Amino acid sequence: MKRRHFLTGTALAAALVTAAPVLAQDETKTIGVAIPSATHGFMGGLNFHAQETIKRLEETYPQLDFVLATAGEAGKMVNDIEDMVATRNIDALVVLPFESEPLTSPVQAVKEQGIWVTVVDRGLSVPGIEDLYVAGDNPGFGRTAGEYFAANLEAGQKIVVLRGIPTTLDNERVDAFMAAIDGSGIEVLDMQHGNWNRDDAFNVMQDFLSKYDHIDAVWAADDDMAIGVLEAIAQAGRTEEMWVVGGAGMKEIIKRIMDGDPQLPVNVTYPPAQISTAIELTALGLVSNTPVSGRFIIGSQIVTPENAENYYFPDSPF
């Protein structure tokens, strides 16, 4: 089993600054970064943090070059990665797979060429391909939400669930959520993919509302999806009937929790800045002898009206 390396943000920053360089100043290494486009709030925040991190590391380490590519679908991401290998001769790849299955074989091909691979957030379909895995605590994300539902709903009350894009992390979240409510007597009326997209979630929730006369709560499992869900509920005139739990800490959602909105009682954290951790650890591995292989998991926290102020960042892009 690979070792787990857990560094605090402060320790990581200190390591990056003080790491003894092993690259000669004229020996340039190139890191490719492939991430989804900023199609919704979480990915907007992730793109922001990726760009800021690359800018900072380029200033700190002139011997490092970066190639950043964003993709709106899996096919383009595969092409971007193949281009990085063929034309930029990358030494390391940091990739947040658009989807798990279509990216597994292309990333495995990169690894087989001796290139360091860091996978972020959405795991590949085949475990163990990557050298480093950085993610939020996906089972913890689902479990934390599920425990809240189990504690705040009675046996026989009814919920609906919106899943994300079909990925290993979505499976981990949903499996943990279902395990947490197992035995509670909560009835799951329906479960559909909202693809972490507010428009898709709006359509899915409209369908749920037309099919079910009564719903007590919704696990939207993502704040962008929660926005779409809330709009569908409002248009149906059923806001007094149910509450909604999203996730990831979007500032608009956190503000409503701070203000005591009964429709949004809590949230569960899943930071888009995890891409910064992934890029920085990968860079650290190239410029120093610091061991960075393994798994770096960022824990999920529950956000309540009592602690929401600690998670509210009004200047954040997300």
C-alpha atoms as a PDB file:
ATOM      1  CA  MET A   1       0.000   0.000   0.000  1.00  0.00           C
ATOM      2  CA  LYS A   2       1.277   3.447  -0.864  1.00  0.00           C
ATOM      3  CA  ARG A   3       2.167   5.713   2.006  1.00  0.00           C
ATOM      4  CA  ARG A   4      -0.192   8.552   2.822  1.00  0.00           C
ATOM      5  CA  HIS A   5       1.324  12.003   3.115  1.00  0.00           C
ATOM      6  CA  PHE A   6      -0.773  14.526   4.980  1.00  0.00           C
ATOM      7  CA  LEU A   7       0.696  18.047   4.969  1.00  0.00           C
ATOM      8  CA  THR A   8      -1.041  21.094   6.349  1.00  0.00           C
ATOM      9  CA  GLY A   9      -1.314  24.117   4.066  1.00  0.00           C
ATOM     10  CA  THR A  10       1.331  25.896   6.159  1.00  0.00           C
ATOM     11  CA  ALA A  11       3.691  22.941   6.086  1.00  0.00           C
ATOM     12  CA  LEU A  12       3.205  22.561   2.342  1.00  0.00           C
ATOM     13  CA  ALA A  13       3.975  26.230   1.706  1.00  0.00           C
ATOM     14  CA  ALA A  14       7.074  26.030   3.893  1.00  0.00           C
ATOM     15  CA  ALA A  15       8.246  22.905   2.094  1.00  0.00           C
ATOM     16  CA  LEU A  16       7.883  24.590  -1.283  1.00  0.00           C
ATOM     17  CA  VAL A  17       9.896  27.608  -0.164  1.00  0.00           C
ATOM     18  CA  THR A  18      12.669  25.723   1.633  1.00  0.00           C
ATOM     19  CA  ALA A  19      12.961  22.612  -0.537  1.00  0.00           C
ATOM     20  CA  ALA A  20      16.548  21.994  -1.543  1.00  0.00           C
ATOM     21  CA  PRO A  21      16.505  22.203  -5.349  1.00  0.00           C
ATOM     22  CA  VAL A  22      17.771  19.174  -7.214  1.00  0.00           C
ATOM     23  CA  LEU A  23      17.272  20.673 -10.684  1.00  0.00           C
ATOM     24  CA  ALA A  24      20.020  22.724 -12.214  1.00  0.00           C
ATOM     25  CA  GLN A  25      18.739  26.181 -13.076  1.00  0.00           C
ATOM     26  CA  ASP A  26      19.116  25.459 -16.798  1.00  0.00           C
ATOM     27  CA  GLU A  27      17.391  22.050 -16.562  1.00  0.00           C
ATOM     28  CA  THR A  28      13.764  22.857 -17.302  1.00  0.00           C
ATOM     29  CA  LYS A  29      10.956  20.504 -16.368  1.00  0.00           C
ATOM     30  CA  THR A  30       7.438  20.832 -17.752  1.00  0.00           C
ATOM     31  CA  ILE A  31       4.221  20.086 -15.885  1.00  0.00           C
ATOM     32  CA  GLY A  32       1.014  19.630 -17.867  1.00  0.00           C
ATOM     33  CA  VAL A  33      -2.248  20.501 -16.121  1.00  0.00           C
ATOM     34  CA  ALA A  34      -5.482  19.213 -17.677  1.00  0.00           C
ATOM     35  CA  ILE A  35      -8.753  20.235 -16.013  1.00  0.00           C
ATOM     36  CA  PRO A  36     -12.400  20.685 -16.970  1.00  0.00           C
ATOM     37  CA  SER A  37     -13.551  24.074 -18.230  1.00  0.00           C
ATOM     38  CA  ALA A  38     -15.176  26.555 -15.864  1.00  0.00           C
ATOM     39  CA  THR A  39     -18.685  25.454 -16.785  1.00  0.00           C
ATOM     40  CA  HIS A  40     -20.084  25.942 -13.274  1.00  0.00           C
ATOM     41  CA  GLY A  41     -19.201  27.518  -9.961  1.00  0.00           C
ATOM     42  CA  PHE A  42     -16.986  24.810  -8.486  1.00  0.00           C
ATOM     43  CA  MET A  43     -14.986  24.472 -11.694  1.00  0.00           C
ATOM     44  CA  GLY A  44     -14.783  28.259 -11.942  1.00  0.00           C
ATOM     45  CA  GLY A  45     -13.160  28.295  -8.520  1.00  0.00           C
ATOM     46  CA  LEU A  46     -10.895  25.393  -9.451  1.00  0.00           C
ATOM     47  CA  ASN A  47      -9.761  27.110 -12.668  1.00  0.00           C
ATOM     48  CA  PHE A  48      -9.040  30.281 -10.690  1.00  0.00           C
ATOM     49  CA  HIS A  49      -6.905  28.420  -8.154  1.00  0.00           C
ATOM     50  CA  ALA A  50      -5.061  26.501 -10.901  1.00  0.00           C
ATOM     51  CA  GLN A  51      -4.129  29.709 -12.721  1.00  0.00           C
ATOM     52  CA  GLU A  52      -3.050  31.475  -9.518  1.00  0.00           C
ATOM     53  CA  THR A  53      -0.943  28.513  -8.408  1.00  0.00           C
ATOM     54  CA  ILE A  54       0.798  28.195 -11.766  1.00  0.00           C
ATOM     55  CA  LYS A  55       1.556  31.921 -11.787  1.00  0.00           C
ATOM     56  CA  ARG A  56       3.024  31.726  -8.282  1.00  0.00           C
ATOM     57  CA  LEU A  57       5.129  28.630  -8.959  1.00  0.00           C
ATOM     58  CA  GLU A  58       6.505  30.002 -12.228  1.00  0.00           C
ATOM     59  CA  GLU A  59       7.812  32.988 -10.267  1.00  0.00           C
ATOM     60  CA  THR A  60       9.240  30.783  -7.526  1.00  0.00           C
ATOM     61  CA  TYR A  61      10.806  28.144  -9.779  1.00  0.00           C
ATOM     62  CA  PRO A  62      12.138  29.504 -13.098  1.00  0.00           C
ATOM     63  CA  GLN A  63      13.227  25.949 -13.948  1.00  0.00           C
ATOM     64  CA  LEU A  64       9.589  24.852 -14.157  1.00  0.00           C
ATOM     65  CA  ASP A  65       7.305  25.380 -17.147  1.00  0.00           C
ATOM     66  CA  PHE A  66       3.566  24.760 -17.093  1.00  0.00           C
ATOM     67  CA  VAL A  67       1.031  23.877 -19.778  1.00  0.00           C
ATOM     68  CA  LEU A  68      -2.598  24.450 -18.760  1.00  0.00           C
ATOM     69  CA  ALA A  69      -5.442  23.069 -20.862  1.00  0.00           C
ATOM     70  CA  THR A  70      -9.167  23.149 -20.101  1.00  0.00           C
ATOM     71  CA  ALA A  71     -11.794  20.957 -21.724  1.00  0.00           C
ATOM     72  CA  GLY A  72     -15.576  20.964 -21.911  1.00  0.00           C
ATOM     73  CA  GLU A  73     -15.828  17.276 -22.717  1.00  0.00           C
ATOM     74  CA  ALA A  74     -13.801  14.081 -22.311  1.00  0.00           C
ATOM     75  CA  GLY A  75     -12.664  13.814 -25.948  1.00  0.00           C
ATOM     76  CA  LYS A  76     -11.014  17.220 -25.915  1.00  0.00           C
ATOM     77  CA  MET A  77      -9.265  16.438 -22.637  1.00  0.00           C
ATOM     78  CA  VAL A  78      -7.815  13.262 -24.162  1.00  0.00           C
ATOM     79  CA  ASN A  79      -6.566  15.285 -27.155  1.00  0.00           C
ATOM     80  CA  ASP A  80      -5.102  17.945 -24.851  1.00  0.00           C
ATOM     81  CA  ILE A  81      -3.130  15.351 -22.896  1.00  0.00           C
ATOM     82  CA  GLU A  82      -1.870  13.604 -26.027  1.00  0.00           C
ATOM     83  CA  ASP A  83      -0.744  16.996 -27.381  1.00  0.00           C
ATOM     84  CA  MET A  84       1.102  17.788 -24.135  1.00  0.00           C
ATOM     85  CA  VAL A  85       3.047  14.551 -24.444  1.00  0.00           C
ATOM     86  CA  ALA A  86       3.740  14.819 -28.174  1.00  0.00           C
ATOM     87  CA  THR A  87       4.584  18.515 -28.522  1.00  0.00           C
ATOM     88  CA  ARG A  88       5.582  19.732 -25.039  1.00  0.00           C
ATOM     89  CA  ASN A  89       7.419  16.636 -23.779  1.00  0.00           C
ATOM     90  CA  ILE A  90       5.903  16.997 -20.309  1.00  0.00           C
ATOM     91  CA  ASP A  91       7.684  15.491 -17.296  1.00  0.00           C
ATOM     92  CA  ALA A  92       4.553  15.347 -15.141  1.00  0.00           C
ATOM     93  CA  LEU A  93       0.808  15.452 -15.670  1.00  0.00           C
ATOM     94  CA  VAL A  94      -1.751  16.824 -13.216  1.00  0.00           C
ATOM     95  CA  VAL A  95      -5.193  15.784 -14.402  1.00  0.00           C
ATOM     96  CA  LEU A  96      -8.712  16.154 -13.070  1.00  0.00           C
ATOM     97  CA  PRO A  97     -10.502  13.673 -15.351  1.00  0.00           C
ATOM     98  CA  PHE A  98     -13.598  15.059 -17.052  1.00  0.00           C
ATOM     99  CA  GLU A  99     -15.009  11.559 -16.662  1.00  0.00           C
ATOM    100  CA  SER A 100     -13.323   8.526 -15.170  1.00  0.00           C
ATOM    101  CA  GLU A 101     -13.810   5.854 -17.826  1.00  0.00           C
ATOM    102  CA  PRO A 102     -12.800   7.760 -21.005  1.00  0.00           C
ATOM    103  CA  LEU A 103      -9.657   9.164 -19.373  1.00  0.00           C
ATOM    104  CA  THR A 104      -8.335   5.949 -17.835  1.00  0.00           C
ATOM    105  CA  SER A 105      -6.594   4.442 -20.862  1.00  0.00           C
ATOM    106  CA  PRO A 106      -5.109   7.763 -22.102  1.00  0.00           C
ATOM    107  CA  VAL A 107      -3.697   8.575 -18.662  1.00  0.00           C
ATOM    108  CA  GLN A 108      -2.383   5.045 -18.299  1.00  0.00           C
ATOM    109  CA  ALA A 109      -0.586   5.494 -21.632  1.00  0.00           C
ATOM    110  CA  VAL A 110       1.045   8.653 -20.235  1.00  0.00           C
ATOM    111  CA  LYS A 111       2.197   6.774 -17.143  1.00  0.00           C
ATOM    112  CA  GLU A 112       3.638   3.949 -19.254  1.00  0.00           C
ATOM    113  CA  GLN A 113       5.932   6.504 -20.928  1.00  0.00           C
ATOM    114  CA  GLY A 114       7.584   7.203 -17.572  1.00  0.00           C
ATOM    115  CA  ILE A 115       5.771  10.498 -16.933  1.00  0.00           C
ATOM    116  CA  TRP A 116       4.731  11.330 -13.369  1.00  0.00           C
ATOM    117  CA  VAL A 117       0.932  11.313 -12.993  1.00  0.00           C
ATOM    118  CA  THR A 118      -1.090  13.190 -10.378  1.00  0.00           C
ATOM    119  CA  VAL A 119      -4.839  12.549 -10.456  1.00  0.00           C
ATOM    120  CA  VAL A 120      -7.144  15.043  -8.781  1.00  0.00           C
ATOM    121  CA  ASP A 121     -10.674  14.653  -7.442  1.00  0.00           C
ATOM    122  CA  ARG A 122     -12.246  12.214  -9.914  1.00  0.00           C
ATOM    123  CA  GLY A 123     -10.385   8.920  -9.764  1.00  0.00           C
ATOM    124  CA  LEU A 124      -9.641   6.769 -12.779  1.00  0.00           C
ATOM    125  CA  SER A 125     -11.572   3.566 -13.432  1.00  0.00           C
ATOM    126  CA  VAL A 126      -8.485   1.460 -12.763  1.00  0.00           C
ATOM    127  CA  PRO A 127      -6.898   2.124  -9.355  1.00  0.00           C
ATOM    128  CA  GLY A 128      -3.171   2.574  -8.866  1.00  0.00           C
ATOM    129  CA  ILE A 129      -2.214   4.135 -12.213  1.00  0.00           C
ATOM    130  CA  GLU A 130      -1.316   7.498 -10.675  1.00  0.00           C
ATOM    131  CA  ASP A 131       1.734   8.313  -8.561  1.00  0.00           C
ATOM    132  CA  LEU A 132      -0.211  10.817  -6.457  1.00  0.00           C
ATOM    133  CA  TYR A 133      -3.929  11.192  -5.773  1.00  0.00           C
ATOM    134  CA  VAL A 134      -5.279  14.449  -4.323  1.00  0.00           C
ATOM    135  CA  ALA A 135      -8.949  14.860  -3.485  1.00  0.00           C
ATOM    136  CA  GLY A 136     -11.514  15.909  -0.985  1.00  0.00           C
ATOM    137  CA  ASP A 137     -12.840  13.180   1.262  1.00  0.00           C
ATOM    138  CA  ASN A 138     -15.531  11.833  -1.036  1.00  0.00           C
ATOM    139  CA  PRO A 139     -16.793   9.060   1.260  1.00  0.00           C
ATOM    140  CA  GLY A 140     -16.675  11.581   4.108  1.00  0.00           C
ATOM    141  CA  PHE A 141     -18.622  14.080   1.979  1.00  0.00           C
ATOM    142  CA  GLY A 142     -21.450  11.604   1.448  1.00  0.00           C
ATOM    143  CA  ARG A 143     -21.310  10.215   4.976  1.00  0.00           C
ATOM    144  CA  THR A 144     -21.461  13.689   6.589  1.00  0.00           C
ATOM    145  CA  ALA A 145     -24.541  14.597   4.565  1.00  0.00           C
ATOM    146  CA  GLY A 146     -26.155  11.227   5.236  1.00  0.00           C
ATOM    147  CA  GLU A 147     -25.602  11.515   8.968  1.00  0.00           C
ATOM    148  CA  TYR A 148     -27.336  14.896   8.949  1.00  0.00           C
ATOM    149  CA  PHE A 149     -30.333  13.459   7.085  1.00  0.00           C
ATOM    150  CA  ALA A 150     -30.511  10.485   9.461  1.00  0.00           C
ATOM    151  CA  ALA A 151     -30.404  12.771  12.502  1.00  0.00           C
ATOM    152  CA  ASN A 152     -32.945  15.308  11.220  1.00  0.00           C
ATOM    153  CA  LEU A 153     -35.566  13.198   9.463  1.00  0.00           C
ATOM    154  CA  GLU A 154     -37.933  10.639  10.929  1.00  0.00           C
ATOM    155  CA  ALA A 155     -38.609   7.118   9.689  1.00  0.00           C
ATOM    156  CA  GLY A 156     -40.969   7.227   6.751  1.00  0.00           C
ATOM    157  CA  GLN A 157     -40.015  10.712   5.587  1.00  0.00           C
ATOM    158  CA  LYS A 158     -39.194  10.966   1.903  1.00  0.00           C
ATOM    159  CA  ILE A 159     -36.172  12.337   0.042  1.00  0.00           C
ATOM    160  CA  VAL A 160     -34.812  12.592  -3.494  1.00  0.00           C
ATOM    161  CA  VAL A 161     -31.150  12.523  -4.497  1.00  0.00           C
ATOM    162  CA  LEU A 162     -29.293  14.239  -7.336  1.00  0.00           C
ATOM    163  CA  ARG A 163     -26.060  12.558  -8.376  1.00  0.00           C
ATOM    164  CA  GLY A 164     -23.165  14.189 -10.241  1.00  0.00           C
ATOM    165  CA  ILE A 165     -21.407  13.082 -13.415  1.00  0.00           C
ATOM    166  CA  PRO A 166     -20.853   9.291 -13.550  1.00  0.00           C
ATOM    167  CA  THR A 167     -17.432   8.996 -11.889  1.00  0.00           C
ATOM    168  CA  THR A 168     -15.736   6.983  -9.177  1.00  0.00           C
ATOM    169  CA  LEU A 169     -16.024   9.909  -6.755  1.00  0.00           C
ATOM    170  CA  ASP A 170     -19.775  10.167  -7.344  1.00  0.00           C
ATOM    171  CA  ASN A 171     -20.062   6.459  -6.567  1.00  0.00           C
ATOM    172  CA  GLU A 172     -18.043   6.929  -3.372  1.00  0.00           C
ATOM    173  CA  ARG A 173     -20.243   9.828  -2.232  1.00  0.00           C
ATOM    174  CA  VAL A 174     -23.543   8.120  -2.952  1.00  0.00           C
ATOM    175  CA  ASP A 175     -22.471   4.787  -1.442  1.00  0.00           C
ATOM    176  CA  ALA A 176     -21.383   6.537   1.765  1.00  0.00           C
ATOM    177  CA  PHE A 177     -24.583   8.596   1.906  1.00  0.00           C
ATOM    178  CA  MET A 178     -26.751   5.521   1.494  1.00  0.00           C
ATOM    179  CA  ALA A 179     -24.774   3.658   4.142  1.00  0.00           C
ATOM    180  CA  ALA A 180     -25.253   6.560   6.567  1.00  0.00           C
ATOM    181  CA  ILE A 181     -29.054   6.567   6.209  1.00  0.00           C
ATOM    182  CA  ASP A 182     -29.319   2.772   6.200  1.00  0.00           C
ATOM    183  CA  GLY A 183     -31.639   1.680   8.993  1.00  0.00           C
ATOM    184  CA  SER A 184     -33.057   5.164   9.510  1.00  0.00           C
ATOM    185  CA  GLY A 185     -36.338   4.381   7.782  1.00  0.00           C
ATOM    186  CA  ILE A 186     -35.869   7.326   5.391  1.00  0.00           C
ATOM    187  CA  GLU A 187     -37.446   6.552   2.011  1.00  0.00           C
ATOM    188  CA  VAL A 188     -35.403   7.453  -1.068  1.00  0.00           C
ATOM    189  CA  LEU A 189     -38.059   8.162  -3.685  1.00  0.00           C
ATOM    190  CA  ASP A 190     -35.710   8.674  -6.616  1.00  0.00           C
ATOM    191  CA  MET A 191     -32.096   9.237  -7.600  1.00  0.00           C
ATOM    192  CA  GLN A 192     -30.959  10.793 -10.900  1.00  0.00           C
ATOM    193  CA  HIS A 193     -27.800  12.363 -12.341  1.00  0.00           C
ATOM    194  CA  GLY A 194     -27.796  16.172 -12.330  1.00  0.00           C
ATOM    195  CA  ASN A 195     -24.207  16.243 -13.665  1.00  0.00           C
ATOM    196  CA  TRP A 196     -23.079  18.951 -11.189  1.00  0.00           C
ATOM    197  CA  ASN A 197     -24.913  21.403 -13.421  1.00  0.00           C
ATOM    198  CA  ARG A 198     -27.624  23.791 -12.257  1.00  0.00           C
ATOM    199  CA  ASP A 199     -29.642  23.586 -15.496  1.00  0.00           C
ATOM    200  CA  ASP A 200     -29.580  19.781 -15.519  1.00  0.00           C
ATOM    201  CA  ALA A 201     -30.452  19.757 -11.820  1.00  0.00           C
ATOM    202  CA  PHE A 202     -33.339  22.141 -12.448  1.00  0.00           C
ATOM    203  CA  ASN A 203     -34.757  19.741 -15.047  1.00  0.00           C
ATOM    204  CA  VAL A 204     -34.252  16.686 -12.834  1.00  0.00           C
ATOM    205  CA  MET A 205     -35.917  18.411  -9.884  1.00  0.00           C
ATOM    206  CA  GLN A 206     -38.840  19.511 -12.035  1.00  0.00           C
ATOM    207  CA  ASP A 207     -39.321  15.859 -12.949  1.00  0.00           C
ATOM    208  CA  PHE A 208     -39.162  14.816  -9.286  1.00  0.00           C
ATOM    209  CA  LEU A 209     -41.713  17.473  -8.335  1.00  0.00           C
ATOM    210  CA  SER A 210     -44.129  16.353 -11.026  1.00  0.00           C
ATOM    211  CA  LYS A 211     -43.816  12.687  -9.998  1.00  0.00           C
ATOM    212  CA  TYR A 212     -44.001  12.996  -6.216  1.00  0.00           C
ATOM    213  CA  ASP A 213     -46.731  14.771  -4.276  1.00  0.00           C
ATOM    214  CA  HIS A 214     -44.633  15.122  -1.148  1.00  0.00           C
ATOM    215  CA  ILE A 215     -40.866  15.407  -0.614  1.00  0.00           C
ATOM    216  CA  ASP A 216     -39.366  16.207   2.795  1.00  0.00           C
ATOM    217  CA  ALA A 217     -35.761  16.894   1.792  1.00  0.00           C
ATOM    218  CA  VAL A 218     -33.325  16.882  -1.125  1.00  0.00           C
ATOM    219  CA  TRP A 219     -29.685  15.822  -1.180  1.00  0.00           C
ATOM    220  CA  ALA A 220     -28.376  17.884  -4.101  1.00  0.00           C
ATOM    221  CA  ALA A 221     -24.774  16.844  -3.323  1.00  0.00           C
ATOM    222  CA  ASP A 222     -23.357  19.997  -4.978  1.00  0.00           C
ATOM    223  CA  ASP A 223     -24.060  23.720  -4.623  1.00  0.00           C
ATOM    224  CA  ASP A 224     -24.529  24.368  -8.337  1.00  0.00           C
ATOM    225  CA  MET A 225     -27.105  21.595  -8.427  1.00  0.00           C
ATOM    226  CA  ALA A 226     -28.664  23.018  -5.248  1.00  0.00           C
ATOM    227  CA  ILE A 227     -29.218  26.356  -7.025  1.00  0.00           C
ATOM    228  CA  GLY A 228     -31.089  24.592  -9.838  1.00  0.00           C
ATOM    229  CA  VAL A 229     -33.063  22.518  -7.351  1.00  0.00           C
ATOM    230  CA  LEU A 230     -34.088  25.581  -5.327  1.00  0.00           C
ATOM    231  CA  GLU A 231     -35.292  27.361  -8.469  1.00  0.00           C
ATOM    232  CA  ALA A 232     -37.414  24.384  -9.504  1.00  0.00           C
ATOM    233  CA  ILE A 233     -38.917  24.165  -6.011  1.00  0.00           C
ATOM    234  CA  ALA A 234     -39.659  27.899  -6.015  1.00  0.00           C
ATOM    235  CA  GLN A 235     -41.361  27.748  -9.417  1.00  0.00           C
ATOM    236  CA  ALA A 236     -43.504  24.867  -8.171  1.00  0.00           C
ATOM    237  CA  GLY A 237     -44.514  26.865  -5.093  1.00  0.00           C
ATOM    238  CA  ARG A 238     -43.256  24.156  -2.720  1.00  0.00           C
ATOM    239  CA  THR A 239     -40.547  26.011  -0.771  1.00  0.00           C
ATOM    240  CA  GLU A 240     -42.236  25.395   2.596  1.00  0.00           C
ATOM    241  CA  GLU A 241     -42.341  21.659   1.992  1.00  0.00           C
ATOM    242  CA  MET A 242     -38.680  20.621   1.859  1.00  0.00           C
ATOM    243  CA  TRP A 243     -35.113  21.577   2.705  1.00  0.00           C
ATOM    244  CA  VAL A 244     -32.024  21.101   0.561  1.00  0.00           C
ATOM    245  CA  VAL A 245     -28.412  20.143   1.294  1.00  0.00           C
ATOM    246  CA  GLY A 246     -25.825  20.844  -1.398  1.00  0.00           C
ATOM    247  CA  GLY A 247     -22.072  20.808  -0.950  1.00  0.00           C
ATOM    248  CA  ALA A 248     -18.699  22.414  -1.689  1.00  0.00           C
ATOM    249  CA  GLY A 249     -19.173  25.746   0.076  1.00  0.00           C
ATOM    250  CA  MET A 250     -20.377  28.169  -2.624  1.00  0.00           C
ATOM    251  CA  LYS A 251     -20.352  31.643  -1.081  1.00  0.00           C
ATOM    252  CA  GLU A 252     -23.999  32.367  -1.971  1.00  0.00           C
ATOM    253  CA  ILE A 253     -25.099  29.176  -0.222  1.00  0.00           C
ATOM    254  CA  ILE A 254     -22.898  29.815   2.814  1.00  0.00           C
ATOM    255  CA  LYS A 255     -24.335  33.341   3.142  1.00  0.00           C
ATOM    256  CA  ARG A 256     -27.871  31.952   3.184  1.00  0.00           C
ATOM    257  CA  ILE A 257     -26.884  29.477   5.895  1.00  0.00           C
ATOM    258  CA  MET A 258     -25.322  32.341   7.870  1.00  0.00           C
ATOM    259  CA  ASP A 259     -28.625  34.192   7.573  1.00  0.00           C
ATOM    260  CA  GLY A 260     -30.575  31.209   8.907  1.00  0.00           C
ATOM    261  CA  ASP A 261     -32.427  30.250   5.717  1.00  0.00           C
ATOM    262  CA  PRO A 262     -34.589  27.254   6.769  1.00  0.00           C
ATOM    263  CA  GLN A 263     -34.460  25.846   3.242  1.00  0.00           C
ATOM    264  CA  LEU A 264     -30.656  25.534   3.467  1.00  0.00           C
ATOM    265  CA  PRO A 265     -29.896  24.249   6.961  1.00  0.00           C
ATOM    266  CA  VAL A 266     -26.317  23.035   6.382  1.00  0.00           C
ATOM    267  CA  ASN A 267     -23.599  22.496   3.767  1.00  0.00           C
ATOM    268  CA  VAL A 268     -20.662  20.111   3.403  1.00  0.00           C
ATOM    269  CA  THR A 269     -17.239  21.378   2.358  1.00  0.00           C
ATOM    270  CA  TYR A 270     -15.278  20.172  -0.678  1.00  0.00           C
ATOM    271  CA  PRO A 271     -12.659  22.817  -1.592  1.00  0.00           C
ATOM    272  CA  PRO A 272     -11.902  23.705  -5.231  1.00  0.00           C
ATOM    273  CA  ALA A 273      -8.439  24.821  -4.008  1.00  0.00           C
ATOM    274  CA  GLN A 274      -7.472  21.132  -3.900  1.00  0.00           C
ATOM    275  CA  ILE A 275      -6.049  21.695  -7.404  1.00  0.00           C
ATOM    276  CA  SER A 276      -3.470  24.001  -5.807  1.00  0.00           C
ATOM    277  CA  THR A 277      -2.395  21.226  -3.456  1.00  0.00           C
ATOM    278  CA  ALA A 278      -2.044  18.830  -6.403  1.00  0.00           C
ATOM    279  CA  ILE A 279       0.023  21.204  -8.542  1.00  0.00           C
ATOM    280  CA  GLU A 280       2.232  22.304  -5.645  1.00  0.00           C
ATOM    281  CA  LEU A 281       2.982  18.745  -4.509  1.00  0.00           C
ATOM    282  CA  THR A 282       3.795  17.725  -8.081  1.00  0.00           C
ATOM    283  CA  ALA A 283       6.153  20.701  -8.432  1.00  0.00           C
ATOM    284  CA  LEU A 284       7.743  19.876  -5.091  1.00  0.00           C
ATOM    285  CA  GLY A 285       8.481  16.361  -6.309  1.00  0.00           C
ATOM    286  CA  LEU A 286      10.268  17.718  -9.400  1.00  0.00           C
ATOM    287  CA  VAL A 287      12.399  20.396  -7.715  1.00  0.00           C
ATOM    288  CA  SER A 288      13.414  18.522  -4.566  1.00  0.00           C
ATOM    289  CA  ASN A 289      13.936  15.116  -3.010  1.00  0.00           C
ATOM    290  CA  THR A 290      10.752  15.459  -0.949  1.00  0.00           C
ATOM    291  CA  PRO A 291       8.612  12.280  -1.209  1.00  0.00           C
ATOM    292  CA  VAL A 292       5.157  13.184  -2.477  1.00  0.00           C
ATOM    293  CA  SER A 293       3.715   9.909  -3.787  1.00  0.00           C
ATOM    294  CA  GLY A 294       0.585   8.428  -2.235  1.00  0.00           C
ATOM    295  CA  ARG A 295      -2.763   9.930  -1.294  1.00  0.00           C
ATOM    296  CA  PHE A 296      -3.543  13.424   0.013  1.00  0.00           C
ATOM    297  CA  ILE A 297      -7.125  13.572   1.251  1.00  0.00           C
ATOM    298  CA  ILE A 298      -8.735  16.839   2.391  1.00  0.00           C
ATOM    299  CA  GLY A 299     -11.448  16.240   4.986  1.00  0.00           C
ATOM    300  CA  SER A 300     -15.080  17.383   4.620  1.00  0.00           C
ATOM    301  CA  GLN A 301     -16.623  19.570   7.331  1.00  0.00           C
ATOM    302  CA  ILE A 302     -20.273  20.324   8.012  1.00  0.00           C
ATOM    303  CA  VAL A 303     -21.228  24.000   7.775  1.00  0.00           C
ATOM    304  CA  THR A 304     -23.988  25.178  10.100  1.00  0.00           C
ATOM    305  CA  PRO A 305     -25.438  28.599  10.953  1.00  0.00           C
ATOM    306  CA  GLU A 306     -23.187  28.576  14.025  1.00  0.00           C
ATOM    307  CA  ASN A 307     -19.902  28.153  12.116  1.00  0.00           C
ATOM    308  CA  ALA A 308     -20.809  29.367   8.601  1.00  0.00           C
ATOM    309  CA  GLU A 309     -18.909  32.631   9.052  1.00  0.00           C
ATOM    310  CA  ASN A 310     -15.679  30.596   9.127  1.00  0.00           C
ATOM    311  CA  TYR A 311     -16.413  29.322   5.613  1.00  0.00           C
ATOM    312  CA  TYR A 312     -17.666  32.540   4.029  1.00  0.00           C
ATOM    313  CA  PHE A 313     -15.244  34.176   1.597  1.00  0.00           C
ATOM    314  CA  PRO A 314     -17.121  36.953  -0.235  1.00  0.00           C
ATOM    315  CA  ASP A 315     -14.178  37.745  -2.551  1.00  0.00           C
ATOM    316  CA  SER A 316     -13.823  34.149  -3.710  1.00  0.00           C
ATOM    317  CA  PRO A 317     -14.857  33.275  -7.290  1.00  0.00           C
ATOM    318  CA  PHE A 318     -16.938  30.440  -5.832  1.00  0.00           C
END
